[in-house]
């Protein structure tokens, strides 16, 4: 075999080895990634329940592509806001830890700031983290750390009612 052919074969083998190592690392990183809060697709969510602070829960249902408040007489509600709440299911998790690693009182989960239930999956929102704009969220027996932007909020028309109820 000529020297140039041998060098080309070694170069090809090294390139294949590098590609293999890169694929292995990519799969390993992907398997170790924390993922999202819930395995639900936000667009498939049809029921939302939201309780903020000590306020009573608000119930919503998606009918024919639009969100309705179903407490009492059904009424259309802000599709964009409810879409944001549904998008919480796909929030990127920064890290997962077992709930037993925490004292619930220290991270605000004894009385959560908000409780969001998406198609029966309960998300309890605790305090913000001291390490950045992040919030603790308990799901079952695990606690996730997610971006603060996913914290549920009351709609403007309902927030006045909630504020009045909390000040009593």
N, C-alpha and C. Protein backbone atom coordinates (compact mmCIF):
# COMPACT_ATOMS: atom_id res chain seq x y z
N UNK A 1 0.85 -1.17 0.00
CA UNK A 1 0.00 0.00 0.00
C UNK A 1 0.90 1.24 0.00
N UNK A 2 0.54 2.20 -0.80
CA UNK A 2 1.32 3.42 -0.87
C UNK A 2 1.18 4.22 0.42
N UNK A 3 2.19 5.02 0.67
CA UNK A 3 2.20 5.84 1.88
C UNK A 3 1.02 6.81 1.91
N UNK A 4 0.69 7.46 0.81
CA UNK A 4 -0.43 8.41 0.75
C UNK A 4 -1.77 7.71 0.99
N UNK A 5 -1.91 6.48 0.50
CA UNK A 5 -3.14 5.72 0.71
C UNK A 5 -3.26 5.34 2.19
N UNK A 6 -2.14 4.94 2.79
CA UNK A 6 -2.13 4.57 4.21
C UNK A 6 -2.50 5.79 5.07
N UNK A 7 -1.96 6.96 4.76
CA UNK A 7 -2.27 8.18 5.50
C UNK A 7 -3.75 8.55 5.36
N UNK A 8 -4.27 8.39 4.15
CA UNK A 8 -5.68 8.68 3.91
C UNK A 8 -6.58 7.72 4.69
N UNK A 9 -6.20 6.46 4.77
CA UNK A 9 -6.97 5.47 5.54
C UNK A 9 -6.95 5.83 7.02
N UNK A 10 -5.78 6.22 7.55
CA UNK A 10 -5.68 6.63 8.96
C UNK A 10 -6.52 7.88 9.22
N UNK A 11 -6.48 8.82 8.30
CA UNK A 11 -7.26 10.04 8.43
C UNK A 11 -8.76 9.73 8.45
N UNK A 12 -9.19 8.83 7.58
CA UNK A 12 -10.60 8.41 7.54
C UNK A 12 -11.00 7.71 8.83
N UNK A 13 -10.12 6.84 9.34
CA UNK A 13 -10.41 6.13 10.59
C UNK A 13 -10.52 7.10 11.75
N UNK A 14 -9.62 8.09 11.79
CA UNK A 14 -9.68 9.10 12.86
C UNK A 14 -10.95 9.93 12.77
N UNK A 15 -11.34 10.29 11.55
CA UNK A 15 -12.57 11.06 11.37
C UNK A 15 -13.78 10.26 11.83
N UNK A 16 -13.85 8.98 11.50
CA UNK A 16 -14.95 8.12 11.95
C UNK A 16 -14.96 7.98 13.48
N UNK A 17 -13.77 7.87 14.07
CA UNK A 17 -13.69 7.77 15.53
C UNK A 17 -14.19 9.06 16.19
N UNK A 18 -13.84 10.21 15.64
CA UNK A 18 -14.30 11.48 16.18
C UNK A 18 -15.82 11.63 16.04
N UNK A 19 -16.35 11.25 14.91
CA UNK A 19 -17.81 11.30 14.70
C UNK A 19 -18.51 10.37 15.69
N UNK A 20 -17.96 9.18 15.87
CA UNK A 20 -18.54 8.23 16.83
C UNK A 20 -18.52 8.78 18.25
N UNK A 21 -17.40 9.39 18.64
CA UNK A 21 -17.29 9.97 19.98
C UNK A 21 -18.26 11.12 20.17
N UNK A 22 -18.42 11.95 19.13
CA UNK A 22 -19.35 13.07 19.21
C UNK A 22 -20.79 12.57 19.34
N UNK A 23 -21.16 11.56 18.59
CA UNK A 23 -22.52 10.98 18.69
C UNK A 23 -22.76 10.37 20.08
N UNK A 24 -21.76 9.67 20.60
CA UNK A 24 -21.89 9.08 21.93
C UNK A 24 -22.10 10.18 22.98
N UNK A 25 -21.31 11.25 22.90
CA UNK A 25 -21.44 12.36 23.85
C UNK A 25 -22.79 13.04 23.72
N UNK A 26 -23.26 13.24 22.50
CA UNK A 26 -24.57 13.88 22.27
C UNK A 26 -25.68 13.04 22.88
N UNK A 27 -25.65 11.72 22.67
CA UNK A 27 -26.68 10.84 23.26
C UNK A 27 -26.60 10.84 24.78
N UNK A 28 -25.39 10.84 25.31
CA UNK A 28 -25.22 10.87 26.77
C UNK A 28 -25.76 12.16 27.36
N UNK A 29 -25.45 13.30 26.74
CA UNK A 29 -25.95 14.60 27.20
C UNK A 29 -27.48 14.66 27.09
N UNK A 30 -28.01 14.13 26.01
CA UNK A 30 -29.45 14.14 25.81
C UNK A 30 -30.16 13.29 26.87
N UNK A 31 -29.58 12.15 27.21
CA UNK A 31 -30.18 11.29 28.23
C UNK A 31 -30.10 11.92 29.61
N UNK A 32 -29.08 12.72 29.87
CA UNK A 32 -28.91 13.35 31.18
C UNK A 32 -29.67 14.66 31.31
N UNK A 33 -30.20 15.19 30.21
CA UNK A 33 -30.92 16.47 30.25
C UNK A 33 -32.17 16.35 31.12
N UNK A 34 -32.47 17.38 31.91
CA UNK A 34 -33.61 17.30 32.82
C UNK A 34 -34.97 17.26 32.11
N UNK A 35 -35.07 17.76 30.90
CA UNK A 35 -36.32 17.70 30.16
C UNK A 35 -37.28 18.82 30.52
N UNK A 36 -38.59 18.49 30.48
CA UNK A 36 -39.63 19.47 30.74
C UNK A 36 -40.42 19.08 31.99
N UNK A 37 -41.25 20.01 32.47
CA UNK A 37 -42.03 19.73 33.68
C UNK A 37 -42.95 18.54 33.53
N UNK A 38 -43.68 18.48 32.45
CA UNK A 38 -44.64 17.40 32.23
C UNK A 38 -44.45 16.79 30.85
N UNK A 39 -44.83 15.53 30.69
CA UNK A 39 -44.72 14.90 29.37
C UNK A 39 -45.88 15.26 28.45
N UNK A 40 -46.67 16.26 28.82
CA UNK A 40 -47.83 16.66 28.02
C UNK A 40 -47.44 17.67 26.94
N UNK A 41 -48.09 17.57 25.80
CA UNK A 41 -47.95 18.56 24.74
C UNK A 41 -48.89 19.72 25.09
N UNK A 42 -48.40 20.95 25.22
CA UNK A 42 -49.27 22.06 25.63
C UNK A 42 -50.53 22.21 24.78
N UNK A 43 -50.44 21.98 23.50
CA UNK A 43 -51.62 22.13 22.63
C UNK A 43 -52.68 21.06 22.88
N UNK A 44 -52.31 19.96 23.54
CA UNK A 44 -53.28 18.89 23.80
C UNK A 44 -53.99 19.06 25.14
N UNK A 45 -53.58 20.02 25.94
CA UNK A 45 -54.20 20.24 27.26
C UNK A 45 -55.59 20.83 27.09
N UNK A 46 -56.56 20.25 27.79
CA UNK A 46 -57.95 20.70 27.67
C UNK A 46 -58.57 21.15 28.99
N UNK A 47 -57.91 20.88 30.11
CA UNK A 47 -58.44 21.30 31.42
C UNK A 47 -57.33 21.96 32.22
N UNK A 48 -57.66 23.11 32.79
CA UNK A 48 -56.72 23.86 33.61
C UNK A 48 -57.43 24.29 34.88
N UNK A 49 -56.76 24.10 36.00
CA UNK A 49 -57.26 24.61 37.28
C UNK A 49 -56.13 25.43 37.88
N UNK A 50 -56.46 26.62 38.38
CA UNK A 50 -55.44 27.51 38.91
C UNK A 50 -55.91 28.09 40.24
N UNK A 51 -55.10 27.94 41.26
CA UNK A 51 -55.35 28.55 42.56
C UNK A 51 -54.11 29.37 42.91
N UNK A 52 -54.31 30.65 43.17
CA UNK A 52 -53.20 31.53 43.51
C UNK A 52 -53.36 31.95 44.96
N UNK A 53 -52.30 31.74 45.73
CA UNK A 53 -52.34 32.09 47.15
C UNK A 53 -53.44 31.34 47.86
N UNK A 54 -54.22 32.08 48.64
CA UNK A 54 -55.33 31.47 49.39
C UNK A 54 -56.65 31.62 48.65
N UNK A 55 -56.60 32.09 47.40
CA UNK A 55 -57.82 32.28 46.61
C UNK A 55 -58.44 30.94 46.21
N UNK A 56 -59.70 30.99 45.85
CA UNK A 56 -60.37 29.76 45.42
C UNK A 56 -59.91 29.40 44.02
N UNK A 57 -59.91 28.11 43.70
CA UNK A 57 -59.44 27.67 42.38
C UNK A 57 -60.35 28.16 41.25
N UNK A 58 -59.72 28.49 40.14
CA UNK A 58 -60.43 28.86 38.92
C UNK A 58 -60.32 27.69 37.96
N UNK A 59 -61.43 27.30 37.36
CA UNK A 59 -61.46 26.15 36.47
C UNK A 59 -61.70 26.61 35.03
N UNK A 60 -60.92 26.03 34.11
CA UNK A 60 -61.02 26.37 32.69
C UNK A 60 -61.09 25.09 31.87
N UNK A 61 -61.76 25.18 30.73
CA UNK A 61 -61.82 24.05 29.80
C UNK A 61 -61.68 24.59 28.38
N UNK A 62 -61.02 23.80 27.55
CA UNK A 62 -60.83 24.17 26.15
C UNK A 62 -61.93 23.50 25.34
N UNK A 63 -62.69 24.32 24.64
CA UNK A 63 -63.79 23.81 23.81
C UNK A 63 -63.68 24.44 22.43
N UNK A 64 -63.64 23.61 21.41
CA UNK A 64 -63.57 24.05 20.02
C UNK A 64 -62.46 25.07 19.80
N UNK A 65 -61.30 24.81 20.41
CA UNK A 65 -60.13 25.64 20.19
C UNK A 65 -60.06 26.91 21.03
N UNK A 66 -61.03 27.15 21.92
CA UNK A 66 -61.03 28.35 22.76
C UNK A 66 -61.18 27.97 24.22
N UNK A 67 -60.63 28.81 25.09
CA UNK A 67 -60.68 28.56 26.52
C UNK A 67 -61.90 29.22 27.14
N UNK A 68 -62.53 28.50 28.05
CA UNK A 68 -63.73 28.96 28.76
C UNK A 68 -63.51 28.81 30.26
N UNK A 69 -63.96 29.80 31.00
CA UNK A 69 -63.99 29.67 32.47
C UNK A 69 -65.26 28.90 32.78
N UNK A 70 -65.15 27.80 33.50
CA UNK A 70 -66.30 26.92 33.71
C UNK A 70 -66.79 26.93 35.16
N UNK A 71 -66.35 27.89 35.95
CA UNK A 71 -66.90 28.07 37.29
C UNK A 71 -68.22 28.81 37.13
N UNK A 72 -69.31 28.20 37.52
CA UNK A 72 -70.62 28.85 37.35
C UNK A 72 -71.04 28.83 35.90
N UNK A 73 -71.50 29.96 35.40
CA UNK A 73 -71.92 30.06 34.00
C UNK A 73 -70.68 30.14 33.12
N UNK A 74 -70.54 29.23 32.14
CA UNK A 74 -69.35 29.25 31.27
C UNK A 74 -69.21 30.59 30.55
N UNK A 75 -67.98 31.11 30.51
CA UNK A 75 -67.68 32.37 29.84
C UNK A 75 -66.32 32.26 29.17
N UNK A 76 -66.22 32.84 27.96
CA UNK A 76 -64.93 32.86 27.25
C UNK A 76 -63.91 33.61 28.07
N UNK A 77 -62.68 33.17 27.98
CA UNK A 77 -61.58 33.84 28.69
C UNK A 77 -60.44 34.07 27.72
N UNK A 78 -59.40 34.69 28.19
CA UNK A 78 -58.25 35.07 27.37
C UNK A 78 -57.49 33.83 26.90
N UNK A 79 -57.60 33.52 25.61
CA UNK A 79 -56.92 32.34 25.05
C UNK A 79 -55.40 32.44 25.20
N UNK A 80 -54.85 33.63 25.05
CA UNK A 80 -53.40 33.81 25.15
C UNK A 80 -52.88 33.50 26.55
N UNK A 81 -53.59 34.00 27.55
CA UNK A 81 -53.18 33.75 28.93
C UNK A 81 -53.27 32.28 29.29
N UNK A 82 -54.37 31.63 28.87
CA UNK A 82 -54.51 30.20 29.16
C UNK A 82 -53.52 29.38 28.35
N UNK A 83 -53.17 29.86 27.16
CA UNK A 83 -52.12 29.21 26.38
C UNK A 83 -50.79 29.27 27.11
N UNK A 84 -50.52 30.41 27.76
CA UNK A 84 -49.30 30.53 28.56
C UNK A 84 -49.30 29.54 29.71
N UNK A 85 -50.45 29.38 30.37
CA UNK A 85 -50.54 28.42 31.47
C UNK A 85 -50.30 27.00 30.94
N UNK A 86 -50.88 26.67 29.80
CA UNK A 86 -50.68 25.34 29.22
C UNK A 86 -49.22 25.14 28.81
N UNK A 87 -48.58 26.21 28.35
CA UNK A 87 -47.16 26.12 27.95
C UNK A 87 -46.25 25.77 29.13
N UNK A 88 -46.74 25.97 30.34
CA UNK A 88 -45.95 25.63 31.53
C UNK A 88 -45.58 24.14 31.51
N UNK A 89 -46.41 23.30 30.92
CA UNK A 89 -46.11 21.87 30.84
C UNK A 89 -44.78 21.63 30.13
N UNK A 90 -44.45 22.47 29.17
CA UNK A 90 -43.23 22.30 28.38
C UNK A 90 -42.08 23.17 28.89
N UNK A 91 -42.22 23.73 30.09
CA UNK A 91 -41.14 24.55 30.66
C UNK A 91 -39.88 23.72 30.82
N UNK A 92 -38.77 24.28 30.39
CA UNK A 92 -37.49 23.59 30.53
C UNK A 92 -37.09 23.52 31.99
N UNK A 93 -36.77 22.34 32.44
CA UNK A 93 -36.34 22.14 33.83
C UNK A 93 -34.83 22.32 33.91
N UNK A 94 -34.40 23.14 34.85
CA UNK A 94 -32.97 23.36 35.04
C UNK A 94 -32.36 22.22 35.83
N UNK A 95 -33.12 21.69 36.79
CA UNK A 95 -32.66 20.52 37.55
C UNK A 95 -33.84 19.89 38.28
N UNK A 96 -33.73 18.58 38.51
CA UNK A 96 -34.71 17.81 39.29
C UNK A 96 -34.01 17.31 40.55
N UNK A 97 -34.76 17.30 41.66
CA UNK A 97 -34.25 16.71 42.89
C UNK A 97 -35.41 16.02 43.59
N UNK A 98 -35.14 15.00 44.38
CA UNK A 98 -36.21 14.38 45.16
C UNK A 98 -36.77 15.39 46.17
N UNK A 99 -38.08 15.36 46.38
CA UNK A 99 -38.71 16.28 47.32
C UNK A 99 -38.15 16.10 48.73
N UNK A 100 -37.66 14.91 49.04
CA UNK A 100 -37.11 14.64 50.37
C UNK A 100 -35.81 15.39 50.63
N UNK A 101 -35.18 15.95 49.58
CA UNK A 101 -33.96 16.73 49.75
C UNK A 101 -34.23 18.11 50.33
N UNK A 102 -35.51 18.52 50.42
CA UNK A 102 -35.87 19.87 50.83
C UNK A 102 -36.77 19.86 52.06
N UNK A 103 -36.70 20.96 52.80
CA UNK A 103 -37.69 21.25 53.83
C UNK A 103 -38.75 22.09 53.11
N UNK A 104 -39.98 21.58 52.93
CA UNK A 104 -40.99 22.31 52.17
C UNK A 104 -41.20 23.75 52.65
N UNK A 105 -41.08 24.00 53.94
CA UNK A 105 -41.28 25.36 54.46
C UNK A 105 -40.20 26.31 53.95
N UNK A 106 -38.99 25.83 53.77
CA UNK A 106 -37.88 26.69 53.36
C UNK A 106 -37.95 27.09 51.89
N UNK A 107 -38.64 26.30 51.07
CA UNK A 107 -38.74 26.65 49.65
C UNK A 107 -40.17 27.02 49.26
N UNK A 108 -40.99 27.32 50.26
CA UNK A 108 -42.33 27.83 50.00
C UNK A 108 -43.35 26.82 49.54
N UNK A 109 -43.15 25.55 49.85
CA UNK A 109 -44.09 24.53 49.39
C UNK A 109 -45.04 24.04 50.48
N UNK A 110 -44.92 24.58 51.70
CA UNK A 110 -45.90 24.24 52.73
C UNK A 110 -47.24 24.85 52.33
N UNK A 111 -47.22 26.11 51.94
CA UNK A 111 -48.38 26.78 51.35
C UNK A 111 -47.90 27.40 50.04
N UNK A 112 -48.08 26.69 48.93
CA UNK A 112 -47.54 27.15 47.64
C UNK A 112 -48.06 28.53 47.23
N UNK A 113 -47.25 29.25 46.49
CA UNK A 113 -47.61 30.54 45.93
C UNK A 113 -48.78 30.34 44.96
N UNK A 114 -48.73 29.27 44.19
CA UNK A 114 -49.78 28.94 43.23
C UNK A 114 -49.80 27.43 43.02
N UNK A 115 -50.99 26.93 42.68
CA UNK A 115 -51.14 25.52 42.32
C UNK A 115 -51.82 25.49 40.96
N UNK A 116 -51.14 24.92 39.99
CA UNK A 116 -51.64 24.81 38.63
C UNK A 116 -51.83 23.33 38.31
N UNK A 117 -53.03 22.97 37.88
CA UNK A 117 -53.30 21.59 37.51
C UNK A 117 -53.63 21.56 36.03
N UNK A 118 -52.83 20.82 35.27
CA UNK A 118 -53.00 20.70 33.83
C UNK A 118 -53.42 19.28 33.50
N UNK A 119 -54.64 19.10 33.05
CA UNK A 119 -55.17 17.76 32.75
C UNK A 119 -54.89 16.77 33.87
N UNK A 120 -55.12 17.20 35.10
CA UNK A 120 -54.97 16.32 36.25
C UNK A 120 -53.56 16.25 36.84
N UNK A 121 -52.58 16.88 36.22
CA UNK A 121 -51.20 16.88 36.72
C UNK A 121 -50.99 18.14 37.57
N UNK A 122 -50.76 17.94 38.86
CA UNK A 122 -50.66 19.05 39.82
C UNK A 122 -49.24 19.60 39.91
N UNK A 123 -49.10 20.92 39.75
CA UNK A 123 -47.82 21.63 39.86
C UNK A 123 -47.95 22.63 41.01
N UNK A 124 -47.11 22.50 42.03
CA UNK A 124 -47.14 23.42 43.16
C UNK A 124 -45.92 24.33 43.08
N UNK A 125 -46.17 25.64 43.01
CA UNK A 125 -45.11 26.63 42.85
C UNK A 125 -44.70 27.20 44.19
N UNK A 126 -43.41 27.08 44.52
CA UNK A 126 -42.89 27.58 45.78
C UNK A 126 -42.20 28.91 45.61
N UNK A 127 -41.22 29.15 46.46
CA UNK A 127 -40.47 30.41 46.48
C UNK A 127 -39.49 30.47 45.31
N UNK A 128 -38.94 31.68 45.12
CA UNK A 128 -37.89 31.84 44.13
C UNK A 128 -36.57 31.36 44.73
N UNK A 129 -35.70 30.93 43.87
CA UNK A 129 -34.38 30.44 44.29
C UNK A 129 -33.45 31.61 44.58
N UNK A 130 -32.54 31.42 45.49
CA UNK A 130 -31.56 32.46 45.79
C UNK A 130 -30.46 32.51 44.72
N UNK A 131 -30.40 31.50 43.87
CA UNK A 131 -29.34 31.43 42.86
C UNK A 131 -29.69 32.12 41.55
N UNK A 132 -30.87 32.67 41.42
CA UNK A 132 -31.22 33.36 40.19
C UNK A 132 -32.71 33.47 40.01
N UNK A 133 -33.14 33.96 38.86
CA UNK A 133 -34.58 34.13 38.61
C UNK A 133 -35.23 32.77 38.29
N UNK A 134 -35.31 31.94 39.33
CA UNK A 134 -35.84 30.59 39.17
C UNK A 134 -36.83 30.31 40.30
N UNK A 135 -37.72 29.34 40.08
CA UNK A 135 -38.72 29.01 41.08
C UNK A 135 -38.76 27.50 41.29
N UNK A 136 -39.02 27.10 42.54
CA UNK A 136 -39.18 25.70 42.88
C UNK A 136 -40.59 25.27 42.53
N UNK A 137 -40.71 24.09 41.90
CA UNK A 137 -42.01 23.53 41.54
C UNK A 137 -42.02 22.07 41.95
N UNK A 138 -43.00 21.71 42.79
CA UNK A 138 -43.13 20.31 43.21
C UNK A 138 -44.15 19.61 42.33
N UNK A 139 -43.73 18.45 41.83
CA UNK A 139 -44.61 17.58 41.05
C UNK A 139 -44.45 16.19 41.65
N UNK A 140 -45.46 15.77 42.36
CA UNK A 140 -45.39 14.46 43.00
C UNK A 140 -44.29 14.42 44.03
N UNK A 141 -43.35 13.50 43.87
CA UNK A 141 -42.27 13.34 44.85
C UNK A 141 -40.95 13.94 44.36
N UNK A 142 -41.04 14.85 43.36
CA UNK A 142 -39.84 15.52 42.85
C UNK A 142 -40.04 17.03 42.87
N UNK A 143 -38.92 17.75 42.93
CA UNK A 143 -38.95 19.21 42.89
C UNK A 143 -38.06 19.65 41.72
N UNK A 144 -38.63 20.51 40.89
CA UNK A 144 -37.90 21.04 39.74
C UNK A 144 -37.55 22.50 40.00
N UNK A 145 -36.53 22.95 39.33
CA UNK A 145 -36.17 24.35 39.33
C UNK A 145 -36.38 24.83 37.91
N UNK A 146 -37.26 25.84 37.74
CA UNK A 146 -37.58 26.34 36.40
C UNK A 146 -37.44 27.87 36.37
N UNK A 147 -37.51 28.42 35.18
CA UNK A 147 -37.44 29.86 35.00
C UNK A 147 -38.63 30.53 35.69
N UNK A 148 -38.39 31.68 36.26
CA UNK A 148 -39.41 32.44 36.96
C UNK A 148 -40.55 32.86 36.04
N UNK A 149 -40.30 32.95 34.76
CA UNK A 149 -41.32 33.43 33.82
C UNK A 149 -42.52 32.49 33.71
N UNK A 150 -42.39 31.25 34.18
CA UNK A 150 -43.50 30.31 34.11
C UNK A 150 -44.41 30.37 35.34
N UNK A 151 -44.16 31.28 36.26
CA UNK A 151 -45.01 31.41 37.44
C UNK A 151 -46.40 31.84 37.01
N UNK A 152 -47.45 31.09 37.39
CA UNK A 152 -48.81 31.47 37.00
C UNK A 152 -49.22 32.81 37.61
N UNK A 153 -50.03 33.53 36.90
CA UNK A 153 -50.56 34.81 37.38
C UNK A 153 -52.07 34.82 37.16
N UNK A 154 -52.74 35.57 37.98
CA UNK A 154 -54.18 35.72 37.83
C UNK A 154 -54.44 36.71 36.70
N UNK A 155 -55.56 36.56 35.99
CA UNK A 155 -55.89 37.55 34.97
C UNK A 155 -56.17 38.90 35.64
N UNK A 156 -55.97 39.97 34.91
CA UNK A 156 -56.13 41.31 35.47
C UNK A 156 -57.49 41.50 36.12
N UNK A 157 -58.56 41.05 35.50
CA UNK A 157 -59.90 41.24 36.06
C UNK A 157 -60.11 40.42 37.32
N UNK A 158 -59.44 39.27 37.41
CA UNK A 158 -59.61 38.41 38.58
C UNK A 158 -58.60 38.73 39.66
N UNK A 159 -57.47 39.38 39.30
CA UNK A 159 -56.44 39.66 40.31
C UNK A 159 -56.95 40.66 41.34
N UNK A 160 -57.82 41.61 40.94
CA UNK A 160 -58.37 42.55 41.90
C UNK A 160 -59.21 41.81 42.94
N UNK A 161 -59.99 40.82 42.48
CA UNK A 161 -60.81 40.02 43.38
C UNK A 161 -59.93 39.22 44.32
N UNK A 162 -58.85 38.62 43.79
CA UNK A 162 -57.95 37.83 44.62
C UNK A 162 -57.25 38.72 45.65
N UNK A 163 -56.79 39.91 45.22
CA UNK A 163 -56.11 40.82 46.14
C UNK A 163 -57.04 41.22 47.27
N UNK A 164 -58.29 41.49 46.96
CA UNK A 164 -59.25 41.88 47.99
C UNK A 164 -59.46 40.74 48.97
N UNK A 165 -59.52 39.53 48.47
CA UNK A 165 -59.72 38.36 49.34
C UNK A 165 -58.51 38.08 50.21
N UNK A 166 -57.31 38.39 49.75
CA UNK A 166 -56.09 38.11 50.51
C UNK A 166 -55.88 39.16 51.60
N UNK A 167 -56.47 40.35 51.44
CA UNK A 167 -56.27 41.42 52.41
C UNK A 167 -57.24 41.36 53.58
N UNK A 168 -58.12 40.40 53.60
CA UNK A 168 -59.08 40.31 54.70
C UNK A 168 -58.46 39.83 55.96
